[in-house]
C-alpha cells in the first residue's frame, strides 16, 4: 500500500485486516472500482463466506479490468 498498490482487506477476518496493528487506515477505504455492497461483504462476519470471497474476487477483477460472470462458483470441484 505504501508504494501505491491497492489492498483488498478481508476485514471480516479481524486483526490487521480490520485496522489493528498499525495497518494503514487508507487501505481500509473503499476504492472507486468497488461497489458499496462488495466492500461491505469484506467486513460482514454474518455474510456467507462464499459471498465475501466472491466480492473480493469481483473487486480484484474490476481493478485489473477483467470481466467475470455473476455466477462464478467458488466451490472446489467434486472428486468423482
N, C-alpha and C. Protein backbone atom coordinates (compact mmCIF):
# COMPACT_ATOMS: atom_id res chain seq x y z
N UNK A 1 0.82 -1.19 0.00
CA UNK A 1 0.00 0.00 0.00
C UNK A 1 0.86 1.25 0.00
N UNK A 2 1.94 1.23 0.75
CA UNK A 2 2.81 2.40 0.82
C UNK A 2 3.46 2.74 -0.50
N UNK A 3 3.48 1.79 -1.42
CA UNK A 3 4.09 2.01 -2.74
C UNK A 3 3.05 2.24 -3.82
N UNK A 4 1.82 2.51 -3.40
CA UNK A 4 0.75 2.80 -4.36
C UNK A 4 -0.05 1.58 -4.78
N UNK A 5 0.19 0.44 -4.18
CA UNK A 5 -0.57 -0.76 -4.52
C UNK A 5 -1.93 -0.72 -3.84
N UNK A 6 -2.91 -1.34 -4.48
CA UNK A 6 -4.22 -1.48 -3.85
C UNK A 6 -4.18 -2.69 -2.93
N UNK A 7 -4.95 -2.61 -1.86
CA UNK A 7 -5.07 -3.70 -0.91
C UNK A 7 -6.55 -4.03 -0.79
N UNK A 8 -6.87 -5.32 -0.82
CA UNK A 8 -8.25 -5.76 -0.59
C UNK A 8 -8.27 -6.41 0.79
N UNK A 9 -8.55 -5.61 1.82
CA UNK A 9 -8.52 -6.15 3.18
C UNK A 9 -9.74 -7.01 3.47
N UNK A 10 -9.52 -8.22 3.89
CA UNK A 10 -10.62 -9.10 4.27
C UNK A 10 -10.93 -8.83 5.73
N UNK A 11 -11.60 -7.71 5.95
CA UNK A 11 -11.82 -7.17 7.29
C UNK A 11 -12.57 -8.12 8.21
N UNK A 12 -13.36 -9.01 7.65
CA UNK A 12 -14.12 -9.95 8.47
C UNK A 12 -13.21 -10.92 9.22
N UNK A 13 -11.94 -11.04 8.80
CA UNK A 13 -11.01 -11.96 9.46
C UNK A 13 -10.38 -11.36 10.71
N UNK A 14 -10.55 -10.06 10.93
CA UNK A 14 -10.01 -9.42 12.12
C UNK A 14 -8.54 -9.07 11.98
N UNK A 15 -7.93 -8.73 13.09
CA UNK A 15 -6.50 -8.40 13.12
C UNK A 15 -6.15 -7.21 12.26
N UNK A 16 -5.01 -7.31 11.60
CA UNK A 16 -4.53 -6.20 10.77
C UNK A 16 -5.52 -5.84 9.66
N UNK A 17 -6.21 -6.83 9.13
CA UNK A 17 -7.15 -6.57 8.04
C UNK A 17 -8.32 -5.68 8.43
N UNK A 18 -8.58 -5.57 9.73
CA UNK A 18 -9.64 -4.65 10.16
C UNK A 18 -9.07 -3.37 10.77
N UNK A 19 -7.77 -3.15 10.63
CA UNK A 19 -7.17 -1.90 11.06
C UNK A 19 -6.33 -1.96 12.31
N UNK A 20 -6.15 -3.14 12.89
CA UNK A 20 -5.30 -3.26 14.08
C UNK A 20 -3.84 -3.35 13.68
N UNK A 21 -2.96 -3.26 14.66
CA UNK A 21 -1.51 -3.43 14.48
C UNK A 21 -0.92 -2.42 13.50
N UNK A 22 -1.39 -1.18 13.58
CA UNK A 22 -0.90 -0.09 12.73
C UNK A 22 -1.11 -0.31 11.24
N UNK A 23 -2.11 -1.12 10.90
CA UNK A 23 -2.47 -1.30 9.48
C UNK A 23 -2.90 0.06 8.95
N UNK A 24 -2.45 0.46 7.77
CA UNK A 24 -2.78 1.81 7.27
C UNK A 24 -4.28 1.99 7.04
N UNK A 25 -4.84 2.99 7.69
CA UNK A 25 -6.28 3.26 7.57
C UNK A 25 -6.68 3.58 6.14
N UNK A 26 -5.77 4.13 5.36
CA UNK A 26 -6.08 4.43 3.96
C UNK A 26 -6.43 3.16 3.19
N UNK A 27 -5.84 2.04 3.57
CA UNK A 27 -6.10 0.77 2.89
C UNK A 27 -7.48 0.23 3.19
N UNK A 28 -8.15 0.78 4.19
CA UNK A 28 -9.50 0.32 4.55
C UNK A 28 -10.58 1.14 3.86
N UNK A 29 -10.18 2.10 3.05
CA UNK A 29 -11.15 2.94 2.33
C UNK A 29 -11.55 2.26 1.03
N UNK A 30 -12.83 2.29 0.74
CA UNK A 30 -13.36 1.67 -0.47
C UNK A 30 -12.84 2.38 -1.71
N UNK A 31 -12.23 1.63 -2.63
CA UNK A 31 -11.79 2.25 -3.88
C UNK A 31 -12.98 2.49 -4.81
N UNK A 32 -12.82 3.35 -5.77
CA UNK A 32 -13.90 3.72 -6.69
C UNK A 32 -14.39 2.53 -7.51
N UNK A 33 -13.54 1.55 -7.77
CA UNK A 33 -13.93 0.42 -8.60
C UNK A 33 -14.65 -0.68 -7.84
N UNK A 34 -14.94 -0.45 -6.56
CA UNK A 34 -15.69 -1.40 -5.74
C UNK A 34 -17.07 -0.83 -5.43
N UNK A 35 -18.07 -1.68 -5.47
CA UNK A 35 -19.40 -1.21 -5.09
C UNK A 35 -19.49 -1.17 -3.56
N UNK A 36 -20.46 -0.44 -3.06
CA UNK A 36 -20.67 -0.39 -1.61
C UNK A 36 -20.99 -1.79 -1.08
N UNK A 37 -21.82 -2.53 -1.83
CA UNK A 37 -22.20 -3.87 -1.40
C UNK A 37 -20.99 -4.81 -1.34
N UNK A 38 -20.14 -4.76 -2.36
CA UNK A 38 -18.94 -5.60 -2.35
C UNK A 38 -18.05 -5.27 -1.16
N UNK A 39 -17.83 -4.00 -0.93
CA UNK A 39 -16.94 -3.58 0.15
C UNK A 39 -17.51 -3.99 1.51
N UNK A 40 -18.82 -3.86 1.66
CA UNK A 40 -19.46 -4.25 2.93
C UNK A 40 -19.30 -5.75 3.19
N UNK A 41 -19.34 -6.56 2.14
CA UNK A 41 -19.20 -8.01 2.31
C UNK A 41 -17.82 -8.41 2.83
N UNK A 42 -16.83 -7.57 2.62
CA UNK A 42 -15.48 -7.88 3.11
C UNK A 42 -15.40 -7.82 4.62
N UNK A 43 -16.33 -7.12 5.26
CA UNK A 43 -16.28 -6.98 6.72
C UNK A 43 -17.45 -7.64 7.43
N UNK A 44 -18.43 -8.12 6.69
CA UNK A 44 -19.63 -8.68 7.29
C UNK A 44 -19.40 -10.12 7.75
N UNK A 45 -19.23 -10.31 9.06
CA UNK A 45 -18.97 -11.65 9.60
C UNK A 45 -20.21 -12.53 9.57
N UNK A 46 -21.38 -11.95 9.33
CA UNK A 46 -22.61 -12.73 9.23
C UNK A 46 -22.92 -13.17 7.79
N UNK A 47 -22.22 -12.58 6.83
CA UNK A 47 -22.45 -12.94 5.43
C UNK A 47 -21.85 -14.32 5.16
N UNK A 48 -22.46 -15.07 4.26
CA UNK A 48 -21.86 -16.35 3.89
C UNK A 48 -20.44 -16.13 3.34
N UNK A 49 -19.54 -17.01 3.71
CA UNK A 49 -18.15 -16.88 3.31
C UNK A 49 -17.99 -16.82 1.79
N UNK A 50 -18.78 -17.61 1.07
CA UNK A 50 -18.64 -17.60 -0.39
C UNK A 50 -19.03 -16.25 -0.99
N UNK A 51 -19.97 -15.54 -0.36
CA UNK A 51 -20.34 -14.21 -0.84
C UNK A 51 -19.23 -13.20 -0.59
N UNK A 52 -18.58 -13.28 0.57
CA UNK A 52 -17.45 -12.39 0.85
C UNK A 52 -16.30 -12.68 -0.10
N UNK A 53 -16.04 -13.95 -0.35
CA UNK A 53 -14.96 -14.33 -1.27
C UNK A 53 -15.27 -13.87 -2.69
N UNK A 54 -16.52 -14.03 -3.12
CA UNK A 54 -16.91 -13.57 -4.45
C UNK A 54 -16.78 -12.06 -4.57
N UNK A 55 -17.07 -11.34 -3.51
CA UNK A 55 -16.91 -9.88 -3.52
C UNK A 55 -15.45 -9.51 -3.68
N UNK A 56 -14.56 -10.21 -2.97
CA UNK A 56 -13.12 -9.94 -3.09
C UNK A 56 -12.65 -10.21 -4.51
N UNK A 57 -13.10 -11.31 -5.10
CA UNK A 57 -12.73 -11.64 -6.49
C UNK A 57 -13.23 -10.56 -7.43
N UNK A 58 -14.47 -10.12 -7.25
CA UNK A 58 -15.05 -9.10 -8.12
C UNK A 58 -14.30 -7.77 -8.00
N UNK A 59 -13.87 -7.43 -6.80
CA UNK A 59 -13.11 -6.18 -6.60
C UNK A 59 -11.77 -6.26 -7.32
N UNK A 60 -11.07 -7.37 -7.16
CA UNK A 60 -9.78 -7.53 -7.85
C UNK A 60 -9.98 -7.53 -9.36
N UNK A 61 -11.02 -8.23 -9.84
CA UNK A 61 -11.29 -8.28 -11.27
C UNK A 61 -11.58 -6.88 -11.82
N UNK A 62 -12.36 -6.09 -11.08
CA UNK A 62 -12.65 -4.72 -11.51
C UNK A 62 -11.38 -3.89 -11.55
N UNK A 63 -10.50 -4.10 -10.60
CA UNK A 63 -9.25 -3.34 -10.54
C UNK A 63 -8.37 -3.65 -11.74
N UNK A 64 -8.28 -4.91 -12.12
CA UNK A 64 -7.40 -5.26 -13.23
C UNK A 64 -8.12 -5.23 -14.57
N UNK A 65 -9.42 -4.92 -14.53
CA UNK A 65 -10.17 -4.75 -15.77
C UNK A 65 -10.63 -6.04 -16.41
N UNK A 66 -10.86 -7.05 -15.62
CA UNK A 66 -11.32 -8.33 -16.14
C UNK A 66 -12.81 -8.46 -15.86
N UNK A 67 -13.55 -8.89 -16.85
CA UNK A 67 -14.98 -9.12 -16.66
C UNK A 67 -15.18 -10.56 -16.21
N UNK A 68 -15.97 -10.74 -15.15
CA UNK A 68 -16.26 -12.09 -14.68
C UNK A 68 -17.76 -12.30 -14.66
N UNK A 69 -18.16 -13.54 -14.73
CA UNK A 69 -19.56 -13.90 -14.70
C UNK A 69 -20.13 -13.65 -13.31
N UNK A 70 -21.39 -13.29 -13.24
CA UNK A 70 -22.04 -13.08 -11.95
C UNK A 70 -22.17 -14.38 -11.17
N UNK A 71 -22.22 -15.52 -11.86
CA UNK A 71 -22.40 -16.78 -11.17
C UNK A 71 -21.11 -17.59 -11.12
N UNK A 72 -20.02 -16.91 -10.76
CA UNK A 72 -18.75 -17.59 -10.58
C UNK A 72 -18.86 -18.49 -9.36
N UNK A 73 -18.52 -19.74 -9.54
CA UNK A 73 -18.59 -20.69 -8.42
C UNK A 73 -17.24 -20.74 -7.73
N UNK A 74 -17.27 -20.55 -6.42
CA UNK A 74 -16.03 -20.62 -5.64
C UNK A 74 -15.90 -21.95 -4.93
N UNK A 75 -16.78 -22.88 -5.26
CA UNK A 75 -16.71 -24.19 -4.63
C UNK A 75 -15.66 -25.04 -5.33
N UNK A 76 -14.99 -25.86 -4.54
CA UNK A 76 -14.00 -26.77 -5.10
C UNK A 76 -14.69 -27.80 -5.98
N UNK A 77 -14.06 -28.20 -7.07
CA UNK A 77 -14.68 -29.23 -7.90
C UNK A 77 -14.82 -30.54 -7.14
N UNK A 78 -15.88 -31.25 -7.43
CA UNK A 78 -16.12 -32.52 -6.75
C UNK A 78 -15.21 -33.59 -7.34
N UNK A 79 -14.63 -34.37 -6.47
CA UNK A 79 -13.82 -35.50 -6.92
C UNK A 79 -14.75 -36.68 -7.17
N UNK A 80 -14.70 -37.24 -8.34
CA UNK A 80 -15.55 -38.39 -8.65
C UNK A 80 -14.81 -39.70 -8.46
